[in-house]
Structures are given as C-alpha cells and as structure tokens.
C-alpha atoms as a PDB file:
ATOM      1  CA  MET A   1      -6.554  14.941 -25.864  1.00  0.00           C
ATOM      2  CA  SER A   2      -3.551  13.642 -23.978  1.00  0.00           C
ATOM      3  CA  VAL A   3      -3.887  11.796 -20.688  1.00  0.00           C
ATOM      4  CA  SER A   4      -1.255  12.617 -18.090  1.00  0.00           C
ATOM      5  CA  LYS A   5       0.777   9.948 -16.336  1.00  0.00           C
ATOM      6  CA  LEU A   6      -0.884  10.918 -13.068  1.00  0.00           C
ATOM      7  CA  ASN A   7      -4.353  10.248 -14.455  1.00  0.00           C
ATOM      8  CA  ILE A   8      -3.327   6.825 -15.695  1.00  0.00           C
ATOM      9  CA  PHE A   9      -1.540   6.068 -12.435  1.00  0.00           C
ATOM     10  CA  SER A  10      -4.554   7.015 -10.337  1.00  0.00           C
ATOM     11  CA  LEU A  11      -6.690   4.424 -12.139  1.00  0.00           C
ATOM     12  CA  LYS A  12      -4.442   1.514 -11.225  1.00  0.00           C
ATOM     13  CA  LYS A  13      -4.902  -0.747  -8.236  1.00  0.00           C
ATOM     14  CA  GLY A  14      -2.703  -0.015  -5.211  1.00  0.00           C
ATOM     15  CA  ALA A  15      -2.288  -1.696  -1.829  1.00  0.00           C
ATOM     16  CA  ILE A  16      -1.808   0.487   1.234  1.00  0.00           C
ATOM     17  CA  ILE A  17       0.767  -0.932   3.632  1.00  0.00           C
ATOM     18  CA  LYS A  18       1.181   0.652   7.053  1.00  0.00           C
ATOM     19  CA  ILE A  19       4.862   0.111   7.663  1.00  0.00           C
ATOM     20  CA  ILE A  20       4.891   1.879  11.017  1.00  0.00           C
ATOM     21  CA  TYR A  21       2.256   3.014  13.481  1.00  0.00           C
ATOM     22  CA  TRP A  22       4.021   5.965  15.052  1.00  0.00           C
ATOM     23  CA  CYS A  23       3.887   9.558  13.804  1.00  0.00           C
ATOM     24  CA  ASN A  24       5.883  12.579  14.939  1.00  0.00           C
ATOM     25  CA  HIS A  25       3.057  14.999  14.072  1.00  0.00           C
ATOM     26  CA  LYS A  26      -0.333  15.505  15.656  1.00  0.00           C
ATOM     27  CA  CYS A  27      -2.164  17.030  12.692  1.00  0.00           C
ATOM     28  CA  SER A  28      -5.425  18.608  13.795  1.00  0.00           C
ATOM     29  CA  PHE A  29      -7.444  16.944  11.005  1.00  0.00           C
ATOM     30  CA  CYS A  30      -5.828  13.489  10.956  1.00  0.00           C
ATOM     31  CA  HIS A  31      -8.359  10.662  11.119  1.00  0.00           C
ATOM     32  CA  GLU A  32      -5.671   8.464  12.718  1.00  0.00           C
ATOM     33  CA  LYS A  33      -4.263  10.923  15.273  1.00  0.00           C
ATOM     34  CA  ASP A  34      -5.916   9.305  18.305  1.00  0.00           C
ATOM     35  CA  ASN A  35      -5.017   5.774  17.210  1.00  0.00           C
ATOM     36  CA  ILE A  36      -1.435   6.618  16.275  1.00  0.00           C
ATOM     37  CA  ALA A  37      -0.764   8.488  19.496  1.00  0.00           C
ATOM     38  CA  SER A  38      -1.927   5.550  21.620  1.00  0.00           C
ATOM     39  CA  LEU A  39       0.010   2.808  19.835  1.00  0.00           C
ATOM     40  CA  ASP A  40       3.458   1.580  20.651  1.00  0.00           C
ATOM     41  CA  TYR A  41       6.250   2.154  18.159  1.00  0.00           C
ATOM     42  CA  ARG A  42       5.509  -0.837  15.907  1.00  0.00           C
ATOM     43  CA  ALA A  43       7.170  -1.287  12.542  1.00  0.00           C
ATOM     44  CA  LEU A  44       6.833  -3.774   9.701  1.00  0.00           C
ATOM     45  CA  LYS A  45       9.581  -6.375   9.853  1.00  0.00           C
ATOM     46  CA  ILE A  46      11.715  -7.186   6.813  1.00  0.00           C
ATOM     47  CA  GLU A  47      11.002 -10.899   7.330  1.00  0.00           C
ATOM     48  CA  ASP A  48       7.292 -10.221   6.660  1.00  0.00           C
ATOM     49  CA  LEU A  49       7.943  -8.826   3.179  1.00  0.00           C
ATOM     50  CA  ASP A  50       7.857 -12.137   1.279  1.00  0.00           C
ATOM     51  CA  GLU A  51       4.330 -12.833   2.499  1.00  0.00           C
ATOM     52  CA  ILE A  52       3.184  -9.259   1.793  1.00  0.00           C
ATOM     53  CA  SER A  53       4.791  -9.194  -1.653  1.00  0.00           C
ATOM     54  CA  ALA A  54       3.161 -12.502  -2.569  1.00  0.00           C
ATOM     55  CA  TRP A  55      -0.223 -11.172  -1.444  1.00  0.00           C
ATOM     56  CA  VAL A  56       0.256  -7.950  -3.453  1.00  0.00           C
ATOM     57  CA  THR A  57       1.164  -9.932  -6.588  1.00  0.00           C
ATOM     58  CA  GLU A  58      -1.545 -12.591  -6.172  1.00  0.00           C
ATOM     59  CA  ASN A  59      -4.211  -9.925  -5.799  1.00  0.00           C
ATOM     60  CA  GLY A  60      -3.148  -8.025  -8.922  1.00  0.00           C
ATOM     61  CA  PHE A  61      -1.936  -4.835  -7.299  1.00  0.00           C
ATOM     62  CA  ASP A  62       0.143  -2.572  -9.564  1.00  0.00           C
ATOM     63  CA  TYR A  63       1.786  -0.593  -6.793  1.00  0.00           C
ATOM     64  CA  VAL A  64       2.132  -0.304  -3.034  1.00  0.00           C
ATOM     65  CA  ILE A  65       1.567   2.776  -0.912  1.00  0.00           C
ATOM     66  CA  LEU A  66       3.890   2.830   2.077  1.00  0.00           C
ATOM     67  CA  SER A  67       2.190   4.780   4.827  1.00  0.00           C
ATOM     68  CA  GLY A  68       1.735   4.782   8.559  1.00  0.00           C
ATOM     69  CA  GLY A  69       1.956   6.611  10.973  1.00  0.00           C
ATOM     70  CA  GLU A  70       4.961   8.329   9.441  1.00  0.00           C
ATOM     71  CA  PRO A  71       6.825   5.918   7.112  1.00  0.00           C
ATOM     72  CA  THR A  72      10.067   7.914   7.148  1.00  0.00           C
ATOM     73  CA  LEU A  73      10.416   6.989  10.834  1.00  0.00           C
ATOM     74  CA  HIS A  74      10.855   3.350   9.786  1.00  0.00           C
ATOM     75  CA  PRO A  75      14.557   2.534  10.203  1.00  0.00           C
ATOM     76  CA  LYS A  76      14.538   0.239   7.128  1.00  0.00           C
ATOM     77  CA  LEU A  77      12.516   2.465   4.779  1.00  0.00           C
ATOM     78  CA  VAL A  78      15.050   2.303   1.942  1.00  0.00           C
ATOM     79  CA  ASP A  79      15.299  -1.499   2.247  1.00  0.00           C
ATOM     80  CA  LEU A  80      11.499  -1.760   2.058  1.00  0.00           C
ATOM     81  CA  ILE A  81      11.397   0.419  -1.059  1.00  0.00           C
ATOM     82  CA  CYS A  82      14.182  -1.579  -2.728  1.00  0.00           C
ATOM     83  CA  TYR A  83      12.485  -4.868  -1.861  1.00  0.00           C
ATOM     84  CA  PHE A  84       9.321  -3.918  -3.744  1.00  0.00           C
ATOM     85  CA  GLN A  85      11.151  -2.256  -6.627  1.00  0.00           C
ATOM     86  CA  GLU A  86      13.299  -5.393  -7.149  1.00  0.00           C
ATOM     87  CA  ARG A  87      10.025  -7.258  -7.688  1.00  0.00           C
ATOM     88  CA  ASN A  88       8.844  -4.667 -10.241  1.00  0.00           C
ATOM     89  CA  ILE A  89       6.284  -3.213  -7.860  1.00  0.00           C
ATOM     90  CA  TYR A  90       5.969   0.559  -8.091  1.00  0.00           C
ATOM     91  CA  VAL A  91       6.218   2.364  -4.731  1.00  0.00           C
ATOM     92  CA  VAL A  92       4.411   5.433  -3.390  1.00  0.00           C
ATOM     93  CA  VAL A  93       5.597   6.868  -0.071  1.00  0.00           C
ATOM     94  CA  VAL A  94       2.991   9.035   1.688  1.00  0.00           C
ATOM     95  CA  ASN A  95       4.840  11.065   4.289  1.00  0.00           C
ATOM     96  CA  ASN A  96       5.054  14.321   6.206  1.00  0.00           C
ATOM     97  CA  GLY A  97       8.520  15.197   4.917  1.00  0.00           C
ATOM     98  CA  THR A  98      10.241  15.617   8.272  1.00  0.00           C
ATOM     99  CA  HIS A  99      12.723  12.725   8.167  1.00  0.00           C
ATOM    100  CA  LEU A 100      13.474  12.334   4.460  1.00  0.00           C
ATOM    101  CA  HIS A 101      16.951  13.810   4.904  1.00  0.00           C
ATOM    102  CA  LYS A 102      17.839  10.979   7.304  1.00  0.00           C
ATOM    103  CA  HIS A 103      17.641   8.332   4.568  1.00  0.00           C
ATOM    104  CA  ASP A 104      20.087   7.518   1.779  1.00  0.00           C
ATOM    105  CA  PHE A 105      17.872   7.092  -1.269  1.00  0.00           C
ATOM    106  CA  SER A 106      20.775   6.541  -3.675  1.00  0.00           C
ATOM    107  CA  LYS A 107      19.994   2.781  -3.927  1.00  0.00           C
ATOM    108  CA  ILE A 108      16.418   3.143  -5.106  1.00  0.00           C
ATOM    109  CA  ASP A 109      15.169   3.345  -8.695  1.00  0.00           C
ATOM    110  CA  LYS A 110      14.026   6.949  -9.128  1.00  0.00           C
ATOM    111  CA  ASN A 111      11.672   5.956 -11.939  1.00  0.00           C
ATOM    112  CA  LYS A 112       9.739   3.467  -9.799  1.00  0.00           C
ATOM    113  CA  ILE A 113       8.727   5.742  -6.949  1.00  0.00           C
ATOM    114  CA  THR A 114       6.499   8.696  -6.156  1.00  0.00           C
ATOM    115  CA  PHE A 115       6.758  10.716  -2.966  1.00  0.00           C
ATOM    116  CA  TYR A 116       3.575  12.320  -1.645  1.00  0.00           C
ATOM    117  CA  VAL A 117       4.553  14.951   0.915  1.00  0.00           C
ATOM    118  CA  SER A 118       2.003  16.570   3.210  1.00  0.00           C
ATOM    119  CA  TYR A 119       2.576  20.311   3.123  1.00  0.00           C
ATOM    120  CA  HIS A 120      -0.324  22.105   4.757  1.00  0.00           C
ATOM    121  CA  GLY A 121       0.379  25.805   4.565  1.00  0.00           C
ATOM    122  CA  GLN A 122       2.825  28.574   5.183  1.00  0.00           C
ATOM    123  CA  ARG A 123       5.059  28.428   8.279  1.00  0.00           C
ATOM    124  CA  GLU A 124       2.611  29.865  10.814  1.00  0.00           C
ATOM    125  CA  TYR A 125      -0.260  27.647   9.687  1.00  0.00           C
ATOM    126  CA  TYR A 126       1.838  24.558   9.034  1.00  0.00           C
ATOM    127  CA  ASN A 127       3.237  24.606  12.571  1.00  0.00           C
ATOM    128  CA  LYS A 128      -0.233  25.079  14.093  1.00  0.00           C
ATOM    129  CA  ILE A 129      -1.843  22.361  11.983  1.00  0.00           C
ATOM    130  CA  THR A 130       0.889  19.773  12.601  1.00  0.00           C
ATOM    131  CA  SER A 131       1.697  20.738  16.209  1.00  0.00           C
ATOM    132  CA  SER A 132       5.349  20.891  15.175  1.00  0.00           C
ATOM    133  CA  LEU A 133       8.102  23.327  14.292  1.00  0.00           C
ATOM    134  CA  ASP A 134       9.198  21.380  11.202  1.00  0.00           C
ATOM    135  CA  PHE A 135       8.269  23.796   8.407  1.00  0.00           C
ATOM    136  CA  GLU A 136      11.858  24.684   7.395  1.00  0.00           C
ATOM    137  CA  THR A 137      13.033  21.064   7.516  1.00  0.00           C
ATOM    138  CA  VAL A 138      10.107  19.884   5.414  1.00  0.00           C
ATOM    139  CA  THR A 139      10.563  22.723   2.923  1.00  0.00           C
ATOM    140  CA  GLN A 140      14.242  21.859   2.487  1.00  0.00           C
ATOM    141  CA  ASN A 141      13.453  18.146   2.146  1.00  0.00           C
ATOM    142  CA  ILE A 142      10.876  18.907  -0.562  1.00  0.00           C
ATOM    143  CA  ARG A 143      13.492  20.915  -2.480  1.00  0.00           C
ATOM    144  CA  GLU A 144      15.926  17.994  -2.259  1.00  0.00           C
ATOM    145  CA  LEU A 145      13.303  15.527  -3.454  1.00  0.00           C
ATOM    146  CA  ALA A 146      12.260  17.785  -6.336  1.00  0.00           C
ATOM    147  CA  ASN A 147      15.874  18.070  -7.436  1.00  0.00           C
ATOM    148  CA  ASN A 148      16.437  14.304  -7.350  1.00  0.00           C
ATOM    149  CA  PHE A 149      13.177  12.565  -8.223  1.00  0.00           C
ATOM    150  CA  PRO A 150      10.807  12.970 -11.165  1.00  0.00           C
ATOM    151  CA  GLU A 151       7.639  12.270  -9.120  1.00  0.00           C
ATOM    152  CA  VAL A 152       7.112  14.464  -6.053  1.00  0.00           C
ATOM    153  CA  ILE A 153       3.558  15.472  -5.227  1.00  0.00           C
ATOM    154  CA  LEU A 154       2.636  17.935  -2.510  1.00  0.00           C
ATOM    155  CA  ARG A 155      -0.604  17.320  -0.648  1.00  0.00           C
ATOM    156  CA  CYS A 156      -2.420  19.978   1.321  1.00  0.00           C
ATOM    157  CA  VAL A 157      -5.488  19.411   3.463  1.00  0.00           C
ATOM    158  CA  VAL A 158      -7.596  22.545   3.192  1.00  0.00           C
ATOM    159  CA  ASN A 159      -9.067  23.602   6.518  1.00  0.00           C
ATOM    160  CA  LYS A 160     -10.059  26.677   8.510  1.00  0.00           C
ATOM    161  CA  LYS A 161      -6.488  27.268   9.668  1.00  0.00           C
ATOM    162  CA  ASN A 162      -4.947  27.586   6.190  1.00  0.00           C
ATOM    163  CA  LEU A 163      -7.821  28.556   3.901  1.00  0.00           C
ATOM    164  CA  SER A 164      -7.102  32.296   3.838  1.00  0.00           C
ATOM    165  CA  THR A 165      -3.493  31.792   2.690  1.00  0.00           C
ATOM    166  CA  LEU A 166      -3.902  29.077   0.048  1.00  0.00           C
ATOM    167  CA  LYS A 167      -3.280  31.345  -2.948  1.00  0.00           C
ATOM    168  CA  SER A 168       0.034  32.691  -1.650  1.00  0.00           C
ATOM    169  CA  PHE A 169       0.975  29.253  -0.307  1.00  0.00           C
ATOM    170  CA  THR A 170       0.397  27.719  -3.735  1.00  0.00           C
ATOM    171  CA  GLU A 171       2.570  30.379  -5.365  1.00  0.00           C
ATOM    172  CA  ASP A 172       5.324  29.791  -2.784  1.00  0.00           C
ATOM    173  CA  SER A 173       5.095  26.017  -3.320  1.00  0.00           C
ATOM    174  CA  LEU A 174       5.720  26.401  -7.044  1.00  0.00           C
ATOM    175  CA  ASN A 175       9.116  27.883  -6.178  1.00  0.00           C
ATOM    176  CA  LEU A 176      10.180  24.584  -4.586  1.00  0.00           C
ATOM    177  CA  SER A 177      10.565  22.806  -7.917  1.00  0.00           C
ATOM    178  CA  PRO A 178      13.891  22.705  -9.712  1.00  0.00           C
ATOM    179  CA  THR A 179      14.724  25.614 -11.964  1.00  0.00           C
END
C-alpha cells in the first residue's frame, strides 16, 4: 500500500500563525467571525519574524500555517512566505481565495508551499455563505493557482446552505485543475 504525500504531511507538526486579524468575508459558520469583525486591522510585522521563526524551530515544528483573518490581505504576504521558506520551513496558506491575484508569487519556492482555499459551494450558495460576491474572482484565482503550484487544496464546509448541491459542486470543482 502506498501512502500519499498528503497523509504523511498531515502527521507532521505545524504551527498556526495568525498573520492578520481582519477578514473580508463574514462566513455564516466561521468560529472567528465575531472576533474578526470587532478587531482593528492588525497585521504581523516583519520585524517579529526572527522571534517567531526561532520559536517554530526550537519547538520542532515542521511547517507553519499562515492564517488569520484572511492572510492574503496582509500587504507583506509574499515576504512572510519567503522568510520561512529561506529557513527551510514549509508553508501552508489557509485563505478564502479573494486576493490571491493581488500578490506576485514568482519569488516563492513552489515546492515548499501548499495553498488551502475555502470554496464553499456553487455561486448562489457561495455568495450567501460568505456574505460576498466573490465567487468568480475566487474561481479564477483557484485556476491560476492550480496552473502554477503543485499543492492546491480546496476546502468546503458542508452546511445546510450547500448540502443539496455538493455532488454537482464537486464535479464542477474538478474542472478547475489544469488539463
């Protein structure tokens, strides 16, 4: 029996780092939605990275998960990714996919990163769940990621609003990968 890379990866030890506390979505199921909405726009500062990196290394973490809020709203996202990758720390970016196109990812090592993109249903349901009109932007950003990175994982929170369409949504999502 062969063990997939994902299974091995999921057994490693990762540190979650909230790099920003603001989010542009108000997802109906988000456990942080009330906290995020009430916080000021606060972002991790580059000058704090040495201390964080040392802590990650000293505590034996294999990778960091950059999250938030919405990490793609951080103005220095690419610099943060590069900082960890230069120290041989694998990076996972958990995001909602809305602002990926605003970053130039050409500097990062494509083999040392995984993007987890929240993608919660077809247009009608996605827009209701996230309280946004970002479905087309997110869909296009997922296509771009899939064409340029080996590790792109779509995450979908199953709930009453999208349950009836999951089969067709899953089939549609498979068409986002490169041909």
